[in-house]
Amino acid sequence: MTTTINVEINQSFVKAYEYLQNPLNLSNWVSFFHKISQDENGLNAETSLGPCDLAFVAPNDYGVIDYVVRDERGQEYYNPMRVLQYDEKTLLTFTTWSDESDTLERIKSDLAKLKGILEK
C-alpha cells in the first residue's frame, strides 16, 4: 500500500526546488538522517540504521527529487518526491510504501519541519 503526503509551502517553486535538490540539506529536516557528506565515492549518510549511501536523481526541470537510500546490507529504499508550482506557492508530494502509523507520523513531522525552513 502506498501513501502520498502533500504539503503546501508558501515559497516559490524555484527556491523550494533549489533547496530540496541539494542532498546535503536532507539532514536539516529529515530526522532519519543525522549527517550527510559527499566524497569521491558519492553521497554518504549517518542514519538511524547506521551508515548508508544515497543516490539522487539529477537536477531537472520537472520538479522530480527522487532519491534512494542503500543500507550496509545493500537493501535499497526508494523515496519519490515531487515539487509542483502552485500559483505563487509550491506543492510538495512525498510517497511512501509504509502504512505504519509511527512512520507516517515521522514523515509528516519531517515535512512540517521542511515547510518551516522553506517559509522563513
PDB file of N, CA and C in Angstrom:
ATOM      1  N   MET A   1       0.838  -1.175   0.000  1.00  0.00           N
ATOM      2  CA  MET A   1       0.000   0.000   0.000  1.00  0.00           C
ATOM      3  C   MET A   1       0.888   1.247   0.000  1.00  0.00           C
ATOM      4  N   THR A   2       0.529   2.217  -0.780  1.00  0.00           N
ATOM      5  CA  THR A   2       1.276   3.473  -0.792  1.00  0.00           C
ATOM      6  C   THR A   2       0.458   4.570  -0.120  1.00  0.00           C
ATOM      7  N   THR A   3       1.181   5.515   0.430  1.00  0.00           N
ATOM      8  CA  THR A   3       0.570   6.707   0.994  1.00  0.00           C
ATOM      9  C   THR A   3       1.316   7.901   0.433  1.00  0.00           C
ATOM     10  N   THR A   4       0.582   8.867  -0.101  1.00  0.00           N
ATOM     11  CA  THR A   4       1.186  10.094  -0.596  1.00  0.00           C
ATOM     12  C   THR A   4       0.760  11.235   0.314  1.00  0.00           C
ATOM     13  N   ILE A   5       1.757  11.977   0.765  1.00  0.00           N
ATOM     14  CA  ILE A   5       1.519  13.104   1.661  1.00  0.00           C
ATOM     15  C   ILE A   5       1.811  14.379   0.883  1.00  0.00           C
ATOM     16  N   ASN A   6       0.875  15.311   0.903  1.00  0.00           N
ATOM     17  CA  ASN A   6       1.024  16.593   0.212  1.00  0.00           C
ATOM     18  C   ASN A   6       1.211  17.706   1.231  1.00  0.00           C
ATOM     19  N   VAL A   7       2.113  18.631   0.908  1.00  0.00           N
ATOM     20  CA  VAL A   7       2.353  19.784   1.771  1.00  0.00           C
ATOM     21  C   VAL A   7       2.391  21.031   0.896  1.00  0.00           C
ATOM     22  N   GLU A   8       1.550  22.005   1.234  1.00  0.00           N
ATOM     23  CA  GLU A   8       1.566  23.290   0.543  1.00  0.00           C
ATOM     24  C   GLU A   8       2.572  24.191   1.247  1.00  0.00           C
ATOM     25  N   ILE A   9       3.513  24.730   0.468  1.00  0.00           N
ATOM     26  CA  ILE A   9       4.595  25.544   1.025  1.00  0.00           C
ATOM     27  C   ILE A   9       4.513  26.951   0.449  1.00  0.00           C
ATOM     28  N   ASN A  10       4.493  27.932   1.314  1.00  0.00           N
ATOM     29  CA  ASN A  10       4.453  29.334   0.887  1.00  0.00           C
ATOM     30  C   ASN A  10       5.860  29.794   0.506  1.00  0.00           C
ATOM     31  N   GLN A  11       6.317  29.284  -0.619  1.00  0.00           N
ATOM     32  CA  GLN A  11       7.627  29.620  -1.162  1.00  0.00           C
ATOM     33  C   GLN A  11       7.575  29.360  -2.658  1.00  0.00           C
ATOM     34  N   SER A  12       8.354  30.082  -3.412  1.00  0.00           N
ATOM     35  CA  SER A  12       8.351  29.877  -4.864  1.00  0.00           C
ATOM     36  C   SER A  12       8.894  28.496  -5.210  1.00  0.00           C
ATOM     37  N   PHE A  13       8.439  27.989  -6.336  1.00  0.00           N
ATOM     38  CA  PHE A  13       8.915  26.702  -6.832  1.00  0.00           C
ATOM     39  C   PHE A  13      10.431  26.712  -6.965  1.00  0.00           C
ATOM     40  N   VAL A  14      10.980  27.774  -7.540  1.00  0.00           N
ATOM     41  CA  VAL A  14      12.426  27.839  -7.797  1.00  0.00           C
ATOM     42  C   VAL A  14      13.212  27.715  -6.494  1.00  0.00           C
ATOM     43  N   LYS A  15      12.831  28.473  -5.471  1.00  0.00           N
ATOM     44  CA  LYS A  15      13.558  28.426  -4.198  1.00  0.00           C
ATOM     45  C   LYS A  15      13.372  27.084  -3.497  1.00  0.00           C
ATOM     46  N   ALA A  16      12.158  26.551  -3.519  1.00  0.00           N
ATOM     47  CA  ALA A  16      11.908  25.259  -2.883  1.00  0.00           C
ATOM     48  C   ALA A  16      12.691  24.155  -3.585  1.00  0.00           C
ATOM     49  N   TYR A  17      12.641  24.135  -4.904  1.00  0.00           N
ATOM     50  CA  TYR A  17      13.356  23.099  -5.653  1.00  0.00           C
ATOM     51  C   TYR A  17      14.859  23.216  -5.433  1.00  0.00           C
ATOM     52  N   GLU A  18      15.382  24.424  -5.443  1.00  0.00           N
ATOM     53  CA  GLU A  18      16.821  24.636  -5.244  1.00  0.00           C
ATOM     54  C   GLU A  18      17.271  24.046  -3.906  1.00  0.00           C
ATOM     55  N   TYR A  19      16.489  24.266  -2.865  1.00  0.00           N
ATOM     56  CA  TYR A  19      16.831  23.736  -1.540  1.00  0.00           C
ATOM     57  C   TYR A  19      16.709  22.210  -1.515  1.00  0.00           C
ATOM     58  N   LEU A  20      15.612  21.700  -2.040  1.00  0.00           N
ATOM     59  CA  LEU A  20      15.333  20.268  -1.949  1.00  0.00           C
ATOM     60  C   LEU A  20      16.246  19.408  -2.810  1.00  0.00           C
ATOM     61  N   GLN A  21      16.681  19.909  -3.956  1.00  0.00           N
ATOM     62  CA  GLN A  21      17.503  19.072  -4.822  1.00  0.00           C
ATOM     63  C   GLN A  21      18.947  18.965  -4.329  1.00  0.00           C
ATOM     64  N   ASN A  22      19.298  19.697  -3.276  1.00  0.00           N
ATOM     65  CA  ASN A  22      20.631  19.587  -2.687  1.00  0.00           C
ATOM     66  C   ASN A  22      20.588  18.527  -1.587  1.00  0.00           C
ATOM     67  N   PRO A  23      21.158  17.346  -1.826  1.00  0.00           N
ATOM     68  CA  PRO A  23      21.064  16.264  -0.846  1.00  0.00           C
ATOM     69  C   PRO A  23      21.707  16.590   0.499  1.00  0.00           C
ATOM     70  N   LEU A  24      22.647  17.521   0.526  1.00  0.00           N
ATOM     71  CA  LEU A  24      23.288  17.877   1.790  1.00  0.00           C
ATOM     72  C   LEU A  24      22.314  18.559   2.744  1.00  0.00           C
ATOM     73  N   ASN A  25      21.165  19.029   2.243  1.00  0.00           N
ATOM     74  CA  ASN A  25      20.149  19.653   3.093  1.00  0.00           C
ATOM     75  C   ASN A  25      19.244  18.641   3.792  1.00  0.00           C
ATOM     76  N   LEU A  26      19.263  17.379   3.379  1.00  0.00           N
ATOM     77  CA  LEU A  26      18.347  16.391   3.961  1.00  0.00           C
ATOM     78  C   LEU A  26      18.447  16.311   5.484  1.00  0.00           C
ATOM     79  N   SER A  27      19.664  16.353   5.997  1.00  0.00           N
ATOM     80  CA  SER A  27      19.814  16.199   7.452  1.00  0.00           C
ATOM     81  C   SER A  27      19.278  17.402   8.227  1.00  0.00           C
ATOM     82  N   ASN A  28      18.954  18.486   7.538  1.00  0.00           N
ATOM     83  CA  ASN A  28      18.342  19.645   8.199  1.00  0.00           C
ATOM     84  C   ASN A  28      16.874  19.419   8.530  1.00  0.00           C
ATOM     85  N   TRP A  29      16.221  18.489   7.809  1.00  0.00           N
ATOM     86  CA  TRP A  29      14.781  18.342   8.024  1.00  0.00           C
ATOM     87  C   TRP A  29      14.289  16.900   8.112  1.00  0.00           C
ATOM     88  N   VAL A  30      15.094  15.917   7.735  1.00  0.00           N
ATOM     89  CA  VAL A  30      14.674  14.514   7.831  1.00  0.00           C
ATOM     90  C   VAL A  30      15.315  13.905   9.076  1.00  0.00           C
ATOM     91  N   SER A  31      14.503  13.530  10.051  1.00  0.00           N
ATOM     92  CA  SER A  31      15.019  13.032  11.329  1.00  0.00           C
ATOM     93  C   SER A  31      15.819  11.742  11.186  1.00  0.00           C
ATOM     94  N   PHE A  32      15.581  10.966  10.155  1.00  0.00           N
ATOM     95  CA  PHE A  32      16.294   9.715   9.890  1.00  0.00           C
ATOM     96  C   PHE A  32      17.773   9.968   9.606  1.00  0.00           C
ATOM     97  N   PHE A  33      18.090  11.104   8.982  1.00  0.00           N
ATOM     98  CA  PHE A  33      19.467  11.436   8.608  1.00  0.00           C
ATOM     99  C   PHE A  33      20.116  12.289   9.696  1.00  0.00           C
ATOM    100  N   HIS A  34      21.236  11.799  10.222  1.00  0.00           N
ATOM    101  CA  HIS A  34      21.965  12.548  11.246  1.00  0.00           C
ATOM    102  C   HIS A  34      23.038  13.438  10.628  1.00  0.00           C
ATOM    103  N   LYS A  35      23.680  12.953   9.576  1.00  0.00           N
ATOM    104  CA  LYS A  35      24.728  13.717   8.895  1.00  0.00           C
ATOM    105  C   LYS A  35      24.850  13.193   7.468  1.00  0.00           C
ATOM    106  N   ILE A  36      25.060  14.112   6.525  1.00  0.00           N
ATOM    107  CA  ILE A  36      25.260  13.737   5.124  1.00  0.00           C
ATOM    108  C   ILE A  36      26.540  14.395   4.647  1.00  0.00           C
ATOM    109  N   SER A  37      27.328  13.623   3.919  1.00  0.00           N
ATOM    110  CA  SER A  37      28.569  14.155   3.365  1.00  0.00           C
ATOM    111  C   SER A  37      28.752  13.594   1.960  1.00  0.00           C
ATOM    112  N   GLN A  38      29.658  14.227   1.247  1.00  0.00           N
ATOM    113  CA  GLN A  38      29.947  13.786  -0.117  1.00  0.00           C
ATOM    114  C   GLN A  38      31.451  13.631  -0.247  1.00  0.00           C
ATOM    115  N   ASP A  39      31.880  12.512  -0.851  1.00  0.00           N
ATOM    116  CA  ASP A  39      33.293  12.304  -1.132  1.00  0.00           C
ATOM    117  C   ASP A  39      33.434  11.756  -2.544  1.00  0.00           C
ATOM    118  N   GLU A  40      34.627  11.287  -2.881  1.00  0.00           N
ATOM    119  CA  GLU A  40      34.869  10.803  -4.244  1.00  0.00           C
ATOM    120  C   GLU A  40      34.020   9.585  -4.608  1.00  0.00           C
ATOM    121  N   ASN A  41      33.480   8.888  -3.606  1.00  0.00           N
ATOM    122  CA  ASN A  41      32.640   7.714  -3.857  1.00  0.00           C
ATOM    123  C   ASN A  41      31.156   8.043  -3.945  1.00  0.00           C
ATOM    124  N   GLY A  42      30.781   9.283  -3.664  1.00  0.00           N
ATOM    125  CA  GLY A  42      29.379   9.671  -3.736  1.00  0.00           C
ATOM    126  C   GLY A  42      28.877  10.243  -2.432  1.00  0.00           C
ATOM    127  N   LEU A  43      27.566  10.129  -2.235  1.00  0.00           N
ATOM    128  CA  LEU A  43      26.911  10.665  -1.040  1.00  0.00           C
ATOM    129  C   LEU A  43      26.853   9.612   0.056  1.00  0.00           C
ATOM    130  N   ASN A  44      27.195  10.016   1.262  1.00  0.00           N
ATOM    131  CA  ASN A  44      27.188   9.126   2.416  1.00  0.00           C
ATOM    132  C   ASN A  44      26.316   9.741   3.500  1.00  0.00           C
ATOM    133  N   ALA A  45      25.666   8.877   4.262  1.00  0.00           N
ATOM    134  CA  ALA A  45      24.792   9.373   5.324  1.00  0.00           C
ATOM    135  C   ALA A  45      24.976   8.554   6.588  1.00  0.00           C
ATOM    136  N   GLU A  46      24.984   9.248   7.711  1.00  0.00           N
ATOM    137  CA  GLU A  46      24.857   8.600   9.007  1.00  0.00           C
ATOM    138  C   GLU A  46      23.375   8.674   9.349  1.00  0.00           C
ATOM    139  N   THR A  47      22.762   7.509   9.558  1.00  0.00           N
ATOM    140  CA  THR A  47      21.313   7.449   9.739  1.00  0.00           C
ATOM    141  C   THR A  47      20.938   6.667  10.988  1.00  0.00           C
ATOM    142  N   SER A  48      19.657   6.589  11.232  1.00  0.00           N
ATOM    143  CA  SER A  48      19.139   5.790  12.336  1.00  0.00           C
ATOM    144  C   SER A  48      19.418   4.306  12.138  1.00  0.00           C
ATOM    145  N   LEU A  49      19.681   3.876  10.906  1.00  0.00           N
ATOM    146  CA  LEU A  49      20.013   2.478  10.606  1.00  0.00           C
ATOM    147  C   LEU A  49      21.513   2.240  10.530  1.00  0.00           C
ATOM    148  N   GLY A  50      22.310   3.278  10.738  1.00  0.00           N
ATOM    149  CA  GLY A  50      23.757   3.184  10.569  1.00  0.00           C
ATOM    150  C   GLY A  50      24.163   3.860   9.272  1.00  0.00           C
ATOM    151  N   PRO A  51      25.393   3.592   8.816  1.00  0.00           N
ATOM    152  CA  PRO A  51      25.866   4.241   7.591  1.00  0.00           C
ATOM    153  C   PRO A  51      25.091   3.766   6.362  1.00  0.00           C
ATOM    154  N   CYS A  52      24.789   4.700   5.477  1.00  0.00           N
ATOM    155  CA  CYS A  52      24.079   4.393   4.231  1.00  0.00           C
ATOM    156  C   CYS A  52      24.671   5.227   3.104  1.00  0.00           C
ATOM    157  N   ASP A  53      24.436   4.771   1.884  1.00  0.00           N
ATOM    158  CA  ASP A  53      24.775   5.541   0.693  1.00  0.00           C
ATOM    159  C   ASP A  53      23.496   6.155   0.148  1.00  0.00           C
ATOM    160  N   LEU A  54      23.630   7.278  -0.534  1.00  0.00           N
ATOM    161  CA  LEU A  54      22.490   7.954  -1.151  1.00  0.00           C
ATOM    162  C   LEU A  54      22.739   8.130  -2.634  1.00  0.00           C
ATOM    163  N   ALA A  55      21.678   8.037  -3.399  1.00  0.00           N
ATOM    164  CA  ALA A  55      21.731   8.369  -4.825  1.00  0.00           C
ATOM    165  C   ALA A  55      20.534   9.262  -5.120  1.00  0.00           C
ATOM    166  N   PHE A  56      20.796  10.417  -5.705  1.00  0.00           N
ATOM    167  CA  PHE A  56      19.761  11.408  -6.027  1.00  0.00           C
ATOM    168  C   PHE A  56      19.574  11.482  -7.526  1.00  0.00           C
ATOM    169  N   VAL A  57      18.341  11.722  -7.962  1.00  0.00           N
ATOM    170  CA  VAL A  57      18.082  11.979  -9.371  1.00  0.00           C
ATOM    171  C   VAL A  57      18.800  13.281  -9.746  1.00  0.00           C
ATOM    172  N   ALA A  58      19.249  13.359 -10.982  1.00  0.00           N
ATOM    173  CA  ALA A  58      19.933  14.570 -11.451  1.00  0.00           C
ATOM    174  C   ALA A  58      18.967  15.754 -11.450  1.00  0.00           C
ATOM    175  N   PRO A  59      19.486  16.963 -11.230  1.00  0.00           N
ATOM    176  CA  PRO A  59      18.625  18.148 -11.324  1.00  0.00           C
ATOM    177  C   PRO A  59      17.884  18.168 -12.661  1.00  0.00           C
ATOM    178  N   ASN A  60      16.626  18.589 -12.617  1.00  0.00           N
ATOM    179  CA  ASN A  60      15.788  18.541 -13.816  1.00  0.00           C
ATOM    180  C   ASN A  60      14.767  19.677 -13.774  1.00  0.00           C
ATOM    181  N   ASP A  61      14.062  19.858 -14.877  1.00  0.00           N
ATOM    182  CA  ASP A  61      13.065  20.931 -14.989  1.00  0.00           C
ATOM    183  C   ASP A  61      11.663  20.491 -14.573  1.00  0.00           C
ATOM    184  N   TYR A  62      11.521  19.274 -14.079  1.00  0.00           N
ATOM    185  CA  TYR A  62      10.196  18.711 -13.826  1.00  0.00           C
ATOM    186  C   TYR A  62       9.812  18.650 -12.351  1.00  0.00           C
ATOM    187  N   GLY A  63      10.712  19.052 -11.457  1.00  0.00           N
ATOM    188  CA  GLY A  63      10.404  19.018 -10.036  1.00  0.00           C
ATOM    189  C   GLY A  63      10.538  17.645  -9.410  1.00  0.00           C
ATOM    190  N   VAL A  64      11.218  16.726 -10.091  1.00  0.00           N
ATOM    191  CA  VAL A  64      11.426  15.377  -9.565  1.00  0.00           C
ATOM    192  C   VAL A  64      12.660  15.398  -8.657  1.00  0.00           C
ATOM    193  N   ILE A  65      12.492  14.944  -7.425  1.00  0.00           N
ATOM    194  CA  ILE A  65      13.595  14.926  -6.461  1.00  0.00           C
ATOM    195  C   ILE A  65      13.669  13.542  -5.808  1.00  0.00           C
ATOM    196  N   ASP A  66      13.572  12.503  -6.595  1.00  0.00           N
ATOM    197  CA  ASP A  66      13.626  11.146  -6.066  1.00  0.00           C
ATOM    198  C   ASP A  66      15.031  10.830  -5.559  1.00  0.00           C
ATOM    199  N   TYR A  67      15.080   9.996  -4.527  1.00  0.00           N
ATOM    200  CA  TYR A  67      16.381   9.530  -4.056  1.00  0.00           C
ATOM    201  C   TYR A  67      16.258   8.115  -3.503  1.00  0.00           C
ATOM    202  N   VAL A  68      17.402   7.422  -3.479  1.00  0.00           N
ATOM    203  CA  VAL A  68      17.471   6.053  -2.983  1.00  0.00           C
ATOM    204  C   VAL A  68      18.459   6.019  -1.825  1.00  0.00           C
ATOM    205  N   VAL A  69      18.064   5.352  -0.744  1.00  0.00           N
ATOM    206  CA  VAL A  69      18.942   5.111   0.396  1.00  0.00           C
ATOM    207  C   VAL A  69      19.337   3.638   0.336  1.00  0.00           C
ATOM    208  N   ARG A  70      20.643   3.357   0.384  1.00  0.00           N
ATOM    209  CA  ARG A  70      21.139   1.980   0.347  1.00  0.00           C
ATOM    210  C   ARG A  70      21.868   1.702   1.658  1.00  0.00           C
ATOM    211  N   ASP A  71      21.362   0.725   2.428  1.00  0.00           N
ATOM    212  CA  ASP A  71      21.986   0.426   3.717  1.00  0.00           C
ATOM    213  C   ASP A  71      23.193  -0.500   3.531  1.00  0.00           C
ATOM    214  N   GLU A  72      23.840  -0.841   4.635  1.00  0.00           N
ATOM    215  CA  GLU A  72      25.069  -1.650   4.582  1.00  0.00           C
ATOM    216  C   GLU A  72      24.849  -3.047   4.006  1.00  0.00           C
ATOM    217  N   ARG A  73      23.646  -3.576   4.104  1.00  0.00           N
ATOM    218  CA  ARG A  73      23.347  -4.904   3.555  1.00  0.00           C
ATOM    219  C   ARG A  73      23.034  -4.853   2.070  1.00  0.00           C
ATOM    220  N   GLY A  74      22.917  -3.641   1.526  1.00  0.00           N
ATOM    221  CA  GLY A  74      22.578  -3.485   0.116  1.00  0.00           C
ATOM    222  C   GLY A  74      21.090  -3.294  -0.133  1.00  0.00           C
ATOM    223  N   GLN A  75      20.293  -3.275   0.933  1.00  0.00           N
ATOM    224  CA  GLN A  75      18.854  -3.037   0.798  1.00  0.00           C
ATOM    225  C   GLN A  75      18.636  -1.598   0.353  1.00  0.00           C
ATOM    226  N   GLU A  76      17.803  -1.406  -0.664  1.00  0.00           N
ATOM    227  CA  GLU A  76      17.533  -0.069  -1.183  1.00  0.00           C
ATOM    228  C   GLU A  76      16.120   0.380  -0.826  1.00  0.00           C
ATOM    229  N   TYR A  77      16.003   1.646  -0.476  1.00  0.00           N
ATOM    230  CA  TYR A  77      14.729   2.260  -0.117  1.00  0.00           C
ATOM    231  C   TYR A  77      14.511   3.451  -1.045  1.00  0.00           C
ATOM    232  N   TYR A  78      13.520   3.333  -1.899  1.00  0.00           N
ATOM    233  CA  TYR A  78      13.219   4.360  -2.898  1.00  0.00           C
ATOM    234  C   TYR A  78      12.289   5.396  -2.286  1.00  0.00           C
ATOM    235  N   ASN A  79      12.621   6.671  -2.472  1.00  0.00           N
ATOM    236  CA  ASN A  79      11.853   7.776  -1.904  1.00  0.00           C
ATOM    237  C   ASN A  79      11.450   8.749  -3.003  1.00  0.00           C
ATOM    238  N   PRO A  80      10.252   8.606  -3.569  1.00  0.00           N
ATOM    239  CA  PRO A  80       9.801   9.530  -4.608  1.00  0.00           C
ATOM    240  C   PRO A  80       9.245  10.821  -4.009  1.00  0.00           C
ATOM    241  N   MET A  81       9.754  11.925  -4.526  1.00  0.00           N
ATOM    242  CA  MET A  81       9.331  13.232  -4.037  1.00  0.00           C
ATOM    243  C   MET A  81       9.217  14.166  -5.235  1.00  0.00           C
ATOM    244  N   ARG A  82       8.169  14.997  -5.234  1.00  0.00           N
ATOM    245  CA  ARG A  82       7.936  15.945  -6.325  1.00  0.00           C
ATOM    246  C   ARG A  82       7.625  17.313  -5.748  1.00  0.00           C
ATOM    247  N   VAL A  83       8.048  18.344  -6.472  1.00  0.00           N
ATOM    248  CA  VAL A  83       7.607  19.696  -6.160  1.00  0.00           C
ATOM    249  C   VAL A  83       6.932  20.257  -7.399  1.00  0.00           C
ATOM    250  N   LEU A  84       5.792  20.885  -7.180  1.00  0.00           N
ATOM    251  CA  LEU A  84       4.986  21.426  -8.271  1.00  0.00           C
ATOM    252  C   LEU A  84       4.698  22.889  -8.004  1.00  0.00           C
ATOM    253  N   GLN A  85       4.772  23.689  -9.051  1.00  0.00           N
ATOM    254  CA  GLN A  85       4.413  25.099  -8.906  1.00  0.00           C
ATOM    255  C   GLN A  85       2.902  25.191  -8.726  1.00  0.00           C
ATOM    256  N   TYR A  86       2.486  25.985  -7.752  1.00  0.00           N
ATOM    257  CA  TYR A  86       1.074  26.135  -7.413  1.00  0.00           C
ATOM    258  C   TYR A  86       0.841  27.610  -7.126  1.00  0.00           C
ATOM    259  N   ASP A  87       0.411  28.357  -8.142  1.00  0.00           N
ATOM    260  CA  ASP A  87       0.313  29.816  -8.044  1.00  0.00           C
ATOM    261  C   ASP A  87       1.680  30.361  -7.624  1.00  0.00           C
ATOM    262  N   GLU A  88       1.723  31.120  -6.545  1.00  0.00           N
ATOM    263  CA  GLU A  88       2.992  31.658  -6.031  1.00  0.00           C
ATOM    264  C   GLU A  88       3.620  30.708  -5.014  1.00  0.00           C
ATOM    265  N   LYS A  89       3.016  29.559  -4.848  1.00  0.00           N
ATOM    266  CA  LYS A  89       3.436  28.597  -3.831  1.00  0.00           C
ATOM    267  C   LYS A  89       4.027  27.354  -4.485  1.00  0.00           C
ATOM    268  N   THR A  90       4.360  26.397  -3.629  1.00  0.00           N
ATOM    269  CA  THR A  90       4.869  25.106  -4.077  1.00  0.00           C
ATOM    270  C   THR A  90       4.061  24.013  -3.396  1.00  0.00           C
ATOM    271  N   LEU A  91       3.720  22.991  -4.141  1.00  0.00           N
ATOM    272  CA  LEU A  91       3.100  21.801  -3.572  1.00  0.00           C
ATOM    273  C   LEU A  91       4.143  20.699  -3.599  1.00  0.00           C
ATOM    274  N   LEU A  92       4.456  20.147  -2.436  1.00  0.00           N
ATOM    275  CA  LEU A  92       5.401  19.042  -2.332  1.00  0.00           C
ATOM    276  C   LEU A  92       4.619  17.762  -2.108  1.00  0.00           C
ATOM    277  N   THR A  93       4.966  16.709  -2.833  1.00  0.00           N
ATOM    278  CA  THR A  93       4.360  15.399  -2.605  1.00  0.00           C
ATOM    279  C   THR A  93       5.458  14.398  -2.289  1.00  0.00           C
ATOM    280  N   PHE A  94       5.215  13.590  -1.278  1.00  0.00           N
ATOM    281  CA  PHE A  94       6.149  12.535  -0.881  1.00  0.00           C
ATOM    282  C   PHE A  94       5.345  11.249  -0.781  1.00  0.00           C
ATOM    283  N   THR A  95       5.831  10.191  -1.423  1.00  0.00           N
ATOM    284  CA  THR A  95       5.133   8.908  -1.413  1.00  0.00           C
ATOM    285  C   THR A  95       5.948   7.895  -0.628  1.00  0.00           C
ATOM    286  N   THR A  96       5.255   7.124   0.214  1.00  0.00           N
ATOM    287  CA  THR A  96       5.900   6.064   0.981  1.00  0.00           C
ATOM    288  C   THR A  96       5.120   4.765   0.801  1.00  0.00           C
ATOM    289  N   TRP A  97       5.824   3.651   0.929  1.00  0.00           N
ATOM    290  CA  TRP A  97       5.178   2.341   0.837  1.00  0.00           C
ATOM    291  C   TRP A  97       4.822   1.813   2.216  1.00  0.00           C
ATOM    292  N   SER A  98       5.093   2.581   3.233  1.00  0.00           N
ATOM    293  CA  SER A  98       4.777   2.167   4.591  1.00  0.00           C
ATOM    294  C   SER A  98       3.385   2.663   4.969  1.00  0.00           C
ATOM    295  N   ASP A  99       2.653   1.810   5.670  1.00  0.00           N
ATOM    296  CA  ASP A  99       1.372   2.256   6.211  1.00  0.00           C
ATOM    297  C   ASP A  99       1.395   2.213   7.742  1.00  0.00           C
ATOM    298  N   GLU A 100       2.601   2.074   8.309  1.00  0.00           N
ATOM    299  CA  GLU A 100       2.746   2.064   9.761  1.00  0.00           C
ATOM    300  C   GLU A 100       2.533   3.478  10.293  1.00  0.00           C
ATOM    301  N   SER A 101       1.696   3.602  11.288  1.00  0.00           N
ATOM    302  CA  SER A 101       1.318   4.931  11.774  1.00  0.00           C
ATOM    303  C   SER A 101       2.510   5.714  12.314  1.00  0.00           C
ATOM    304  N   ASP A 102       3.468   5.041  12.988  1.00  0.00           N
ATOM    305  CA  ASP A 102       4.615   5.783  13.519  1.00  0.00           C
ATOM    306  C   ASP A 102       5.504   6.310  12.399  1.00  0.00           C
ATOM    307  N   THR A 103       5.652   5.547  11.322  1.00  0.00           N
ATOM    308  CA  THR A 103       6.434   6.003  10.171  1.00  0.00           C
ATOM    309  C   THR A 103       5.745   7.182   9.502  1.00  0.00           C
ATOM    310  N   LEU A 104       4.444   7.085   9.312  1.00  0.00           N
ATOM    311  CA  LEU A 104       3.703   8.178   8.680  1.00  0.00           C
ATOM    312  C   LEU A 104       3.754   9.447   9.526  1.00  0.00           C
ATOM    313  N   GLU A 105       3.663   9.311  10.827  1.00  0.00           N
ATOM    314  CA  GLU A 105       3.738  10.485  11.709  1.00  0.00           C
ATOM    315  C   GLU A 105       5.123  11.116  11.657  1.00  0.00           C
ATOM    316  N   ARG A 106       6.174  10.283  11.586  1.00  0.00           N
ATOM    317  CA  ARG A 106       7.534  10.815  11.482  1.00  0.00           C
ATOM    318  C   ARG A 106       7.707  11.578  10.182  1.00  0.00           C
ATOM    319  N   ILE A 107       7.201  11.020   9.082  1.00  0.00           N
ATOM    320  CA  ILE A 107       7.301  11.694   7.782  1.00  0.00           C
ATOM    321  C   ILE A 107       6.546  13.019   7.818  1.00  0.00           C
ATOM    322  N   LYS A 108       5.342  13.016   8.365  1.00  0.00           N
ATOM    323  CA  LYS A 108       4.562  14.262   8.460  1.00  0.00           C
ATOM    324  C   LYS A 108       5.286  15.302   9.308  1.00  0.00           C
ATOM    325  N   SER A 109       5.898  14.867  10.392  1.00  0.00           N
ATOM    326  CA  SER A 109       6.657  15.779  11.245  1.00  0.00           C
ATOM    327  C   SER A 109       7.861  16.351  10.497  1.00  0.00           C
ATOM    328  N   ASP A 110       8.564  15.493   9.750  1.00  0.00           N
ATOM    329  CA  ASP A 110       9.712  15.951   8.957  1.00  0.00           C
ATOM    330  C   ASP A 110       9.279  16.958   7.899  1.00  0.00           C
ATOM    331  N   LEU A 111       8.155  16.691   7.241  1.00  0.00           N
ATOM    332  CA  LEU A 111       7.673  17.607   6.206  1.00  0.00           C
ATOM    333  C   LEU A 111       7.210  18.934   6.804  1.00  0.00           C
ATOM    334  N   ALA A 112       6.667  18.896   8.009  1.00  0.00           N
ATOM    335  CA  ALA A 112       6.294  20.144   8.690  1.00  0.00           C
ATOM    336  C   ALA A 112       7.546  20.960   9.018  1.00  0.00           C
ATOM    337  N   LYS A 113       8.613  20.276   9.423  1.00  0.00           N
ATOM    338  CA  LYS A 113       9.879  20.968   9.687  1.00  0.00           C
ATOM    339  C   LYS A 113      10.411  21.595   8.405  1.00  0.00           C
ATOM    340  N   LEU A 114      10.351  20.851   7.293  1.00  0.00           N
ATOM    341  CA  LEU A 114      10.787  21.378   5.998  1.00  0.00           C
ATOM    342  C   LEU A 114       9.982  22.620   5.628  1.00  0.00           C
ATOM    343  N   LYS A 115       8.674  22.548   5.798  1.00  0.00           N
ATOM    344  CA  LYS A 115       7.807  23.696   5.491  1.00  0.00           C
ATOM    345  C   LYS A 115       8.265  24.926   6.271  1.00  0.00           C
ATOM    346  N   GLY A 116       8.566  24.745   7.549  1.00  0.00           N
ATOM    347  CA  GLY A 116       9.045  25.849   8.371  1.00  0.00           C
ATOM    348  C   GLY A 116      10.356  26.433   7.865  1.00  0.00           C
ATOM    349  N   ILE A 117      11.265  25.574   7.449  1.00  0.00           N
ATOM    350  CA  ILE A 117      12.557  26.036   6.919  1.00  0.00           C
ATOM    351  C   ILE A 117      12.348  26.841   5.647  1.00  0.00           C
ATOM    352  N   LEU A 118      11.530  26.324   4.733  1.00  0.00           N
ATOM    353  CA  LEU A 118      11.352  26.968   3.433  1.00  0.00           C
ATOM    354  C   LEU A 118      10.526  28.248   3.506  1.00  0.00           C
ATOM    355  N   GLU A 119       9.702  28.384   4.528  1.00  0.00           N
ATOM    356  CA  GLU A 119       8.852  29.572   4.630  1.00  0.00           C
ATOM    357  C   GLU A 119       9.494  30.703   5.426  1.00  0.00           C
ATOM    358  N   LYS A 120      10.715  30.521   5.876  1.00  0.00           N
ATOM    359  CA  LYS A 120      11.416  31.595   6.616  1.00  0.00           C
ATOM    360  C   LYS A 120      11.786  32.720   5.698  1.00  0.00           C
TER     361      LYS A 120
END
